[in-house]
Protein backbone atom coordinates (compact mmCIF):
# COMPACT_ATOMS: atom_id res chain seq x y z
CA MET A 1 -125.50 81.68 -93.54
CA ASN A 2 -128.34 80.04 -95.50
CA THR A 3 -125.96 77.83 -97.54
CA ALA A 4 -125.77 75.32 -94.71
CA VAL A 5 -129.57 75.08 -94.75
CA ARG A 6 -129.60 74.38 -98.49
CA ASN A 7 -127.23 71.45 -97.97
CA GLN A 8 -129.63 69.60 -95.65
CA GLU A 9 -131.75 66.68 -96.80
CA PRO A 10 -134.22 66.67 -98.41
CA LYS A 11 -132.43 69.33 -100.47
CA GLU A 12 -135.42 69.88 -102.75
CA VAL A 13 -137.47 71.03 -99.74
CA TRP A 14 -134.79 73.06 -97.93
CA ASN A 15 -133.75 74.85 -101.11
CA HIS A 16 -137.30 75.96 -101.81
CA PHE A 17 -137.61 76.97 -98.14
CA ALA A 18 -134.46 79.08 -98.40
CA ASP A 19 -135.78 80.72 -101.58
CA LEU A 20 -139.09 81.46 -99.86
CA ASN A 21 -137.42 82.83 -96.73
CA ALA A 22 -135.47 85.32 -98.85
CA VAL A 23 -138.80 87.02 -99.61
CA PRO A 24 -140.32 89.29 -96.91
CA ARG A 25 -143.84 87.95 -96.27
CA PRO A 26 -145.58 89.54 -93.29
CA SER A 27 -149.30 89.00 -92.97
CA LYS A 28 -151.33 91.56 -94.92
CA LYS A 29 -148.20 92.53 -96.88
CA GLU A 30 -147.93 89.49 -99.13
CA GLU A 31 -147.53 91.28 -102.48
CA ARG A 32 -143.90 90.19 -102.90
CA VAL A 33 -144.47 86.56 -101.96
CA ILE A 34 -147.54 86.39 -104.22
CA ALA A 35 -145.39 87.64 -107.12
CA PHE A 36 -142.71 85.11 -106.13
CA MET A 37 -145.17 82.21 -106.27
CA VAL A 38 -146.66 83.37 -109.57
CA ALA A 39 -143.18 83.55 -111.11
CA PHE A 40 -142.42 80.09 -109.72
CA GLY A 41 -145.54 78.54 -111.28
CA LYS A 42 -145.05 80.21 -114.64
CA LYS A 43 -141.39 79.19 -114.80
CA LEU A 44 -142.60 75.57 -114.54
CA ASN A 45 -145.15 76.24 -117.32
CA LEU A 46 -147.96 75.28 -114.94
CA LYS A 47 -151.36 76.94 -114.94
CA THR A 48 -151.10 79.68 -112.29
CA ILE A 49 -153.80 82.08 -111.15
CA VAL A 50 -154.27 84.64 -108.39
CA ASP A 51 -157.82 84.85 -107.08
CA SER A 52 -159.68 88.01 -106.07
CA VAL A 53 -158.15 88.17 -102.57
CA GLY A 54 -154.58 87.17 -103.40
CA ASN A 55 -154.51 83.39 -102.98
CA VAL A 56 -152.27 81.65 -105.54
CA ILE A 57 -153.42 78.42 -107.22
CA ILE A 58 -150.99 76.36 -109.30
CA THR A 59 -152.26 73.29 -111.13
CA LYS A 60 -150.17 70.28 -112.18
CA PRO A 61 -151.46 67.36 -114.28
CA ALA A 62 -151.29 63.81 -112.95
CA THR A 63 -148.21 61.76 -113.69
CA LYS A 64 -148.53 58.77 -116.03
CA GLY A 65 -150.68 56.03 -114.53
CA PHE A 66 -152.34 58.32 -111.96
CA GLU A 67 -154.88 60.00 -114.24
CA ASP A 68 -157.75 57.99 -112.75
CA ARG A 69 -157.07 59.10 -109.15
CA LYS A 70 -159.02 61.75 -107.27
CA THR A 71 -157.76 65.32 -107.63
CA VAL A 72 -155.82 66.49 -104.57
CA VAL A 73 -155.59 70.01 -103.20
CA MET A 74 -152.30 70.61 -101.37
CA GLN A 75 -152.62 73.67 -99.16
CA SER A 76 -150.34 75.90 -97.06
CA HIS A 77 -150.30 79.60 -96.20
CA LEU A 78 -147.74 82.10 -97.50
CA ASP A 79 -147.57 84.58 -94.61
CA MET A 80 -145.54 84.22 -91.43
CA VAL A 81 -145.59 85.64 -87.90
CA HIS A 82 -143.01 88.35 -87.34
CA GLN A 83 -141.44 88.32 -83.88
CA LYS A 84 -137.89 89.21 -82.84
CA ASN A 85 -135.86 89.52 -79.69
CA THR A 86 -135.61 93.03 -78.28
CA GLU A 87 -131.91 93.28 -78.97
CA THR A 88 -132.19 91.93 -82.53
CA VAL A 89 -131.86 94.57 -85.26
CA PHE A 90 -133.99 93.31 -88.13
CA ASP A 91 -136.50 94.75 -90.61
CA PHE A 92 -139.10 92.15 -91.56
CA ASP A 93 -140.41 94.39 -94.36
CA SER A 94 -137.13 94.42 -96.25
CA GLN A 95 -134.91 91.56 -95.07
CA GLY A 96 -134.95 87.82 -95.70
CA ILE A 97 -134.79 85.50 -92.71
CA GLU A 98 -131.24 84.68 -91.56
CA MET A 99 -131.20 80.93 -90.89
CA LEU A 100 -128.83 78.77 -88.85
CA VAL A 101 -128.19 75.03 -88.52
CA GLU A 102 -127.89 73.89 -84.92
CA GLY A 103 -127.57 70.12 -84.73
CA ASP A 104 -130.85 68.62 -85.92
CA TRP A 105 -132.57 72.00 -85.96
CA ILE A 106 -132.97 74.88 -88.38
CA THR A 107 -133.49 78.13 -86.51
CA ALA A 108 -133.25 81.86 -87.19
CA ASN A 109 -130.91 84.56 -85.95
CA GLY A 110 -133.04 86.25 -83.28
CA THR A 111 -136.32 86.16 -85.22
CA THR A 112 -139.13 83.80 -86.07
CA LEU A 113 -138.08 81.23 -88.67
CA GLY A 114 -141.20 81.08 -90.81
CA ALA A 115 -141.29 77.26 -90.83
CA ASP A 116 -144.92 77.88 -89.88
CA ASN A 117 -146.06 77.48 -92.64
CA GLY A 118 -143.06 77.94 -94.94
CA LEU A 119 -142.05 74.29 -94.76
CA GLY A 120 -145.49 73.30 -96.02
CA VAL A 121 -145.17 75.79 -98.87
CA ALA A 122 -141.67 74.52 -99.68
CA ALA A 123 -142.82 70.89 -99.73
CA ILE A 124 -145.60 71.73 -102.17
CA MET A 125 -143.11 73.64 -104.33
CA ALA A 126 -140.85 70.58 -104.31
CA VAL A 127 -143.70 68.37 -105.55
CA LEU A 128 -144.65 70.88 -108.25
CA SER A 129 -141.08 71.17 -109.53
CA SER A 130 -140.31 67.44 -109.36
CA LYS A 131 -140.06 65.32 -112.50
CA SER A 132 -140.00 62.00 -110.66
CA ILE A 133 -142.60 62.10 -107.86
CA GLU A 134 -145.75 60.12 -108.71
CA HIS A 135 -149.00 61.92 -107.97
CA PRO A 136 -152.59 62.47 -109.12
CA HIS A 137 -153.86 65.71 -110.62
CA LEU A 138 -152.81 68.45 -108.18
CA GLU A 139 -154.13 71.85 -107.24
CA ALA A 140 -151.62 73.71 -105.07
CA LEU A 141 -153.43 76.30 -102.98
CA PHE A 142 -151.26 78.96 -101.33
CA THR A 143 -153.43 81.14 -99.08
CA ILE A 144 -152.62 84.56 -97.65
CA ASP A 145 -153.11 86.21 -94.28
CA GLU A 146 -153.63 83.04 -92.26
CA GLU A 147 -151.90 84.43 -89.20
CA THR A 148 -153.89 87.65 -88.76
CA GLY A 149 -157.42 86.84 -89.84
CA MET A 150 -157.50 83.95 -92.32
CA THR A 151 -158.90 86.34 -94.88
CA GLY A 152 -157.35 84.35 -97.72
CA ALA A 153 -159.23 81.19 -96.84
CA MET A 154 -162.37 83.20 -96.12
CA GLY A 155 -162.17 84.91 -99.51
CA LEU A 156 -161.63 81.75 -101.55
CA LYS A 157 -164.73 81.34 -103.67
CA GLY A 158 -166.46 78.05 -104.31
CA GLY A 159 -165.94 76.60 -107.76
CA LEU A 160 -162.28 77.56 -108.16
CA LEU A 161 -161.05 74.15 -107.03
CA GLU A 162 -161.97 70.77 -108.49
CA GLY A 163 -160.22 68.63 -105.88
CA THR A 164 -162.18 66.43 -103.48
CA ILE A 165 -159.26 65.71 -101.11
CA LEU A 166 -157.36 68.41 -99.24
CA LEU A 167 -153.94 67.88 -97.68
CA ASN A 168 -153.27 70.75 -95.27
CA LEU A 169 -149.53 70.84 -94.44
CA ASP A 170 -149.75 73.04 -91.34
CA THR A 171 -149.51 70.63 -88.40
CA GLU A 172 -146.40 70.99 -86.20
CA GLU A 173 -145.82 67.52 -84.74
CA ASP A 174 -144.73 64.82 -87.15
CA ASP A 175 -146.51 61.98 -85.35
CA GLU A 176 -149.86 63.76 -85.43
CA ILE A 177 -152.56 63.64 -88.09
CA GLY A 178 -155.02 66.48 -87.74
CA MET A 179 -158.73 65.80 -88.09
CA GLY A 180 -160.16 68.98 -86.55
CA CYS A 181 -159.25 72.39 -85.17
CA ALA A 182 -160.54 75.30 -83.12
CA GLY A 183 -162.35 78.34 -84.40
CA GLY A 184 -161.64 81.80 -83.08
CA VAL A 185 -162.72 85.39 -82.65
CA ASP A 186 -160.80 88.61 -82.04
CA ILE A 187 -161.99 90.71 -79.12
CA THR A 188 -160.94 94.35 -79.06
CA ALA A 189 -161.72 96.63 -76.12
CA ARG A 190 -161.22 100.39 -76.46
CA ARG A 191 -161.84 103.45 -74.36
CA THR A 192 -160.49 106.94 -73.96
CA TYR A 193 -159.33 108.75 -70.84
CA THR A 194 -158.42 112.24 -69.75
CA GLU A 195 -154.74 112.92 -69.27
CA GLU A 196 -153.84 114.63 -66.02
CA GLU A 197 -150.86 116.61 -64.84
CA ILE A 198 -148.47 114.84 -62.47
CA PRO A 199 -147.73 116.38 -59.07
CA SER A 200 -144.23 117.85 -59.09
CA ASN A 201 -143.30 115.90 -55.96
CA SER A 202 -143.26 112.62 -57.92
CA SER A 203 -140.69 110.37 -59.55
CA GLY A 204 -140.84 108.58 -62.88
CA TYR A 205 -140.10 104.91 -63.47
CA SER A 206 -140.05 102.47 -66.35
CA ILE A 207 -141.17 98.91 -65.67
CA THR A 208 -140.11 96.21 -68.14
CA VAL A 209 -141.25 92.61 -68.33
CA LYS A 210 -139.14 90.52 -70.73
CA GLY A 211 -137.39 87.21 -71.22
CA LEU A 212 -140.57 85.13 -71.45
CA ASN A 213 -140.80 82.20 -73.84
CA GLY A 214 -143.85 83.42 -75.71
CA GLY A 215 -145.14 81.06 -78.36
CA HIS A 216 -148.30 79.98 -80.18
CA SER A 217 -151.38 81.21 -78.35
CA GLY A 218 -153.29 78.07 -79.32
CA MET A 219 -150.90 75.16 -79.47
CA GLU A 220 -148.95 76.26 -76.37
CA ILE A 221 -151.66 77.89 -74.27
CA HIS A 222 -151.91 74.76 -72.05
CA LYS A 223 -148.30 75.04 -70.91
CA GLY A 224 -149.00 77.82 -68.40
CA LEU A 225 -146.39 80.10 -69.96
CA GLY A 226 -146.10 83.62 -68.62
CA ASN A 227 -148.20 86.33 -70.28
CA ALA A 228 -146.32 89.63 -70.13
CA ASN A 229 -149.54 91.67 -70.08
CA LYS A 230 -150.94 89.79 -67.09
CA ILE A 231 -147.62 89.93 -65.22
CA MET A 232 -147.26 93.66 -65.87
CA ASN A 233 -150.81 94.28 -64.69
CA ARG A 234 -150.08 92.43 -61.49
CA VAL A 235 -147.18 94.78 -60.75
CA LEU A 236 -149.23 97.86 -61.66
CA PHE A 237 -152.20 96.75 -59.57
CA ASP A 238 -150.03 96.29 -56.49
CA GLY A 239 -148.28 99.64 -56.98
CA PHE A 240 -151.53 101.48 -57.51
CA THR A 241 -153.45 99.84 -54.67
CA ASN A 242 -150.73 100.30 -52.07
CA TYR A 243 -148.73 103.32 -53.21
CA GLY A 244 -150.85 105.37 -55.60
CA LEU A 245 -148.87 104.49 -58.72
CA ARG A 246 -150.06 106.41 -61.80
CA ILE A 247 -149.83 105.11 -65.36
CA SER A 248 -148.54 107.23 -68.23
CA GLU A 249 -147.98 104.61 -70.96
CA ILE A 250 -148.11 100.84 -71.54
CA ASN A 251 -146.94 98.88 -74.56
CA GLY A 252 -147.44 95.14 -74.08
CA GLY A 253 -147.43 92.19 -76.46
CA SER A 254 -147.60 92.28 -80.24
CA LEU A 255 -149.58 89.79 -82.32
CA ARG A 256 -152.93 88.40 -81.21
CA ASN A 257 -151.85 84.81 -81.91
CA ALA A 258 -148.59 85.03 -79.96
CA ILE A 259 -148.38 84.71 -76.17
CA PRO A 260 -146.96 88.10 -75.10
CA ARG A 261 -143.27 87.96 -74.29
CA GLU A 262 -142.63 91.58 -73.36
CA SER A 263 -144.34 94.62 -71.87
CA THR A 264 -143.13 98.08 -70.86
CA ALA A 265 -144.85 100.71 -68.74
CA ILE A 266 -144.03 104.29 -67.81
CA VAL A 267 -145.40 105.28 -64.41
CA SER A 268 -145.00 107.78 -61.60
CA VAL A 269 -145.09 107.50 -57.81
CA GLU A 270 -145.19 110.32 -55.29
CA ASN A 271 -141.85 110.82 -53.58
CA ALA A 272 -143.30 110.20 -50.14
CA SER A 273 -144.13 106.62 -51.18
CA LYS A 274 -141.34 105.76 -53.58
CA GLU A 275 -139.02 103.96 -51.16
CA ALA A 276 -141.79 101.75 -49.85
CA PHE A 277 -143.04 101.23 -53.44
CA LEU A 278 -139.63 100.09 -54.66
CA PHE A 279 -139.11 97.79 -51.68
CA GLU A 280 -142.54 96.19 -51.97
CA THR A 281 -142.41 95.88 -55.75
CA LYS A 282 -139.01 94.19 -55.71
CA ALA A 283 -140.37 91.68 -53.22
CA LEU A 284 -143.38 91.08 -55.49
CA ILE A 285 -141.07 90.64 -58.48
CA ASN A 286 -139.10 88.01 -56.61
CA ASN A 287 -142.31 86.17 -55.81
CA ILE A 288 -143.47 86.25 -59.42
CA LYS A 289 -140.11 85.03 -60.68
CA GLU A 290 -140.17 82.21 -58.14
CA GLU A 291 -143.64 81.18 -59.31
CA PHE A 292 -142.44 80.97 -62.91
CA SER A 293 -138.91 79.72 -62.21
CA THR A 294 -139.48 76.26 -63.64
CA ILE A 295 -141.21 77.20 -66.87
CA GLU A 296 -139.90 80.75 -67.40
CA PRO A 297 -136.31 80.72 -66.07
CA ASN A 298 -135.33 83.81 -68.10
CA LEU A 299 -138.16 86.02 -66.88
CA SER A 300 -136.89 89.52 -66.07
CA ILE A 301 -138.89 92.32 -64.42
CA GLU A 302 -136.97 95.56 -64.10
CA ILE A 303 -137.76 98.94 -62.54
CA ASN A 304 -135.59 101.89 -63.54
CA SER A 305 -135.70 105.58 -62.68
CA ILE A 306 -136.50 107.86 -65.62
CA SER A 307 -137.49 111.46 -66.17
CA LEU A 308 -140.94 112.28 -64.85
CA PRO A 309 -143.53 111.76 -67.61
CA LYS A 310 -145.65 114.76 -68.53
CA LYS A 311 -149.12 113.22 -68.21
CA VAL A 312 -150.87 110.26 -66.56
CA MET A 313 -154.22 108.54 -66.93
CA ASP A 314 -157.04 109.94 -64.82
CA ILE A 315 -157.32 107.93 -61.66
CA ALA A 316 -160.89 106.64 -62.03
CA VAL A 317 -160.28 105.20 -65.48
CA GLN A 318 -156.93 103.80 -64.34
CA GLU A 319 -158.58 101.87 -61.52
CA SER A 320 -161.25 100.35 -63.75
CA PHE A 321 -158.69 99.57 -66.46
CA ILE A 322 -156.32 97.71 -64.12
CA LYS A 323 -159.18 95.75 -62.58
CA SER A 324 -160.57 94.81 -65.99
CA ILE A 325 -157.22 93.30 -67.04
CA TYR A 326 -157.03 91.47 -63.73
CA ALA A 327 -160.56 90.09 -64.23
CA GLY A 328 -160.07 89.30 -67.91
CA PHE A 329 -159.62 85.56 -68.35
CA ASN A 330 -156.32 84.38 -69.85
CA GLY A 331 -155.28 80.79 -70.52
CA VAL A 332 -157.21 77.51 -70.71
CA TYR A 333 -160.91 78.04 -70.03
CA ARG A 334 -162.11 74.47 -70.66
CA MET A 335 -160.61 71.15 -71.70
CA SER A 336 -162.47 69.02 -74.21
CA PRO A 337 -164.80 66.52 -72.54
CA ASP A 338 -164.64 64.30 -75.64
CA ILE A 339 -160.98 64.26 -76.74
CA LYS A 340 -158.31 63.52 -74.13
CA ASP A 341 -155.77 66.29 -73.46
CA LEU A 342 -157.30 68.65 -76.02
CA VAL A 343 -157.85 72.26 -75.00
CA GLU A 344 -161.38 73.12 -76.02
CA THR A 345 -161.58 76.84 -75.15
CA SER A 346 -158.95 79.46 -74.31
CA ASN A 347 -158.14 83.15 -74.40
CA ASN A 348 -154.95 85.11 -74.97
CA ILE A 349 -154.78 88.71 -73.70
CA ALA A 350 -152.42 89.54 -76.52
CA ARG A 351 -152.04 93.29 -76.75
CA VAL A 352 -152.31 96.19 -74.30
CA ILE A 353 -151.64 99.75 -75.41
CA VAL A 354 -152.08 102.87 -73.26
CA LYS A 355 -150.96 106.15 -74.76
CA GLU A 356 -152.10 109.75 -75.27
CA GLY A 357 -155.63 109.36 -73.96
CA ALA A 358 -156.50 106.02 -75.55
CA ILE A 359 -156.55 102.41 -74.32
CA LYS A 360 -156.66 99.36 -76.59
CA VAL A 361 -156.77 95.75 -75.41
CA GLY A 362 -156.70 92.92 -77.95
CA CYS A 363 -157.58 89.27 -77.25
CA LEU A 364 -157.90 86.09 -79.30
CA THR A 365 -160.46 83.61 -78.03
CA ARG A 366 -160.30 80.08 -79.47
CA SER A 367 -162.61 77.09 -79.14
CA SER A 368 -163.69 73.93 -80.92
CA SER A 369 -167.13 74.56 -79.40
CA GLU A 370 -169.06 77.46 -80.89
CA THR A 371 -171.21 77.81 -77.76
CA ASN A 372 -168.26 77.84 -75.35
CA ARG A 373 -166.37 80.30 -77.52
CA THR A 374 -169.38 82.60 -77.29
CA ASP A 375 -169.57 82.03 -73.53
CA LEU A 376 -165.94 83.05 -72.96
CA ALA A 377 -166.18 85.95 -75.40
CA ASN A 378 -169.21 87.28 -73.54
CA SER A 379 -167.37 86.88 -70.23
CA LEU A 380 -164.53 89.03 -71.55
CA ARG A 381 -166.96 91.52 -73.05
CA SER A 382 -168.64 91.87 -69.66
CA SER A 383 -165.35 92.46 -67.84
CA PHE A 384 -164.37 95.24 -70.20
CA GLU A 385 -167.81 96.84 -70.57
CA LEU A 386 -168.13 97.07 -66.79
CA ALA A 387 -164.90 99.10 -66.93
CA GLY A 388 -166.36 101.51 -69.48
CA PHE A 389 -164.84 99.99 -72.63
CA GLU A 390 -166.46 99.63 -76.00
CA VAL A 391 -166.00 96.02 -77.11
CA ALA A 392 -166.00 94.69 -80.68
CA PHE A 393 -165.86 91.13 -81.99
CA SER A 394 -164.17 90.63 -85.38
CA GLY A 395 -162.29 88.16 -87.56
CA GLU A 396 -164.50 85.27 -86.49
CA TYR A 397 -163.69 81.96 -88.17
CA PRO A 398 -165.20 78.49 -87.75
CA GLY A 399 -163.60 75.37 -86.39
CA TRP A 400 -163.10 72.17 -88.35
CA GLN A 401 -165.40 69.48 -87.02
CA PRO A 402 -163.75 66.03 -86.83
CA ASN A 403 -164.97 63.34 -89.23
CA VAL A 404 -163.94 59.93 -87.90
CA ASP A 405 -165.29 58.29 -91.09
CA SER A 406 -163.03 60.31 -93.41
CA GLU A 407 -161.65 58.17 -96.24
CA ILE A 408 -158.40 60.13 -96.57
CA LEU A 409 -157.89 60.09 -92.80
CA LYS A 410 -158.07 56.28 -92.77
CA ILE A 411 -155.64 56.05 -95.71
CA VAL A 412 -153.13 58.48 -94.20
CA ALA A 413 -153.29 56.85 -90.75
CA ALA A 414 -152.71 53.38 -92.24
CA LEU A 415 -149.77 54.64 -94.31
CA TYR A 416 -148.17 56.19 -91.24
CA GLU A 417 -148.43 52.91 -89.33
CA ASN A 418 -147.00 50.94 -92.28
CA LEU A 419 -144.06 53.33 -92.62
CA HIS A 420 -143.18 53.67 -88.94
CA GLY A 421 -144.50 50.54 -87.24
CA GLU A 422 -146.61 52.53 -84.81
CA LYS A 423 -149.87 54.41 -84.93
CA ALA A 424 -149.99 58.16 -85.44
CA ARG A 425 -151.82 60.38 -82.98
CA VAL A 426 -155.05 61.21 -84.76
CA ALA A 427 -156.29 64.36 -83.08
CA ALA A 428 -157.91 67.72 -83.28
CA CYS A 429 -155.73 70.71 -82.37
CA HIS A 430 -156.28 73.95 -80.50
CA ALA A 431 -155.18 76.14 -83.37
CA GLY A 432 -156.86 77.90 -86.24
CA LEU A 433 -156.21 75.77 -89.29
CA GLU A 434 -157.86 76.94 -92.49
CA CYS A 435 -159.65 73.63 -93.06
CA GLY A 436 -162.80 74.73 -91.25
CA ILE A 437 -163.09 77.86 -93.38
CA LEU A 438 -162.30 76.10 -96.65
CA GLY A 439 -164.95 73.52 -95.81
CA GLN A 440 -167.64 76.21 -95.89
CA ASN A 441 -167.39 76.75 -99.66
CA TYR A 442 -166.21 73.20 -100.34
CA PRO A 443 -168.41 71.13 -97.99
CA SER A 444 -167.70 67.84 -99.79
CA MET A 445 -163.90 68.21 -99.48
CA ASP A 446 -162.33 65.35 -97.48
CA MET A 447 -159.54 66.91 -95.40
CA VAL A 448 -156.55 65.93 -93.29
CA SER A 449 -153.62 67.89 -91.83
CA PHE A 450 -150.02 66.87 -91.10
CA GLY A 451 -146.51 68.31 -91.14
CA PRO A 452 -142.96 68.21 -89.72
CA THR A 453 -142.06 68.96 -86.12
CA ILE A 454 -141.77 72.69 -85.46
CA LEU A 455 -141.18 74.02 -81.95
CA GLY A 456 -141.64 77.55 -80.61
CA ALA A 457 -143.81 78.76 -83.49
CA HIS A 458 -144.71 82.46 -83.30
CA SER A 459 -141.61 83.22 -81.22
CA PRO A 460 -137.92 83.91 -81.95
CA ASP A 461 -137.24 80.44 -80.56
CA GLU A 462 -139.03 78.85 -83.53
CA ARG A 463 -137.09 75.90 -84.92
CA ALA A 464 -137.72 73.08 -87.36
CA SER A 465 -136.33 69.56 -87.08
CA ILE A 466 -134.22 68.38 -90.01
CA SER A 467 -134.80 64.67 -89.36
CA SER A 468 -138.52 65.28 -88.91
CA THR A 469 -138.68 67.12 -92.23
CA GLN A 470 -137.11 64.07 -93.87
CA LYS A 471 -139.81 61.91 -92.25
CA PHE A 472 -142.56 64.30 -93.35
CA TRP A 473 -141.28 64.45 -96.93
CA LYS A 474 -141.22 60.67 -97.26
CA PHE A 475 -144.72 60.48 -95.78
CA LEU A 476 -146.09 63.12 -98.16
CA LYS A 477 -144.72 61.34 -101.24
CA GLU A 478 -146.19 58.06 -100.04
CA ILE A 479 -149.62 59.64 -99.54
CA LEU A 480 -149.61 61.06 -103.07
CA LYS A 481 -148.90 57.59 -104.45
CA ASN A 482 -151.88 56.14 -102.56
CA ILE A 483 -154.69 58.54 -103.37
CA PRO A 484 -157.82 56.48 -104.20
CA LYS A 485 -159.43 56.26 -107.60
CA LYS A 486 -162.29 58.50 -108.61
């Protein structure tokens, strides 16, 4: 299955990508991929170290004639988002990604592909293993845990790197050069509830929301894609308000940085109201599907009869919980007033779990403005605290402030125009690149971000363009040849 991928051009990149994708590498479980990268560096007889948090740094001397150029740090992250379709049988902890070639695209068999950021890693590996590519002194930085907290970048100590230029290979549109990014904060709301017995004259139902596109909760938040947690809450709110629906369990969403694709709930309704409940809810479902028909054509909302659950949430907590999710902001909060078409501030209600007397709601709030991120975070905190939740902020990371006078930005932008006869889009992005964090301990580092076109990141629809990867590879090699002198 992966042989066809290895035969694509540039083979040096796709072969390293296939090797990497054979190694399970979920966030916070990077031991195997760390060992893989260490073995790779040592096999090339290059200086290879693992820092105190697990980042891998491989150093390669400059090629002949490039010894007087500035040292370059090439950086990508080792971990990948793990998402799969409901019907896909796959164990991310033990299996390598099964890849497919579909026209100009590399995709995976019902799972995320790991091109985010595996193609960046593979490109760096290709440079390190090459005997012909011209380049200055290189420090290859492979960070861990980018997708679930950026703890690798946060834990990288000052003084480990000598480079003054950083090439971050984690942008997902090949005509874009990144010069800034959003910061973020995780918001977790928790509370407990008393479980109550269900009246015997009730019926049990499962409600399932599925078939949504999902995707990157930063880069795709502006598209208005369906959020399974918000859609499920809408159905539950209507059933509770009009027909006394009671909640037993909810399991919605998965990762904080992925727009939720699926949610399931187990509920009960008294028999006297069940016919009206089913009729009304099916009408509501049709309305919701009609609203999303253009952008979410595969949206499915199903109600099925099941055995009556044993317990439900006490009614007072249930009411405040449902209303807090309804009030909780989701989507684009503010567009940038300074950069056209850039989302400044957003929130993703990523995870909702209700089970056995405990509720947990997880959000990721992003912004390129520290003050507006705090404003939205406090708005969410207020919504949940008014409903009796305890709210915690964690995993906060800074944004990367744009520097329009960056020397490497000007060089890279000019090279792009020379190669392609048109200007690149120089922009900040609404995603959490590690550049902002790395800049804290390396404040003099001149940084830029770029990469091949990857669509559907953080979802099983993730796919990477073959032709775009060829374009990216040529661009990267040209940049390395044009690094300025010290």
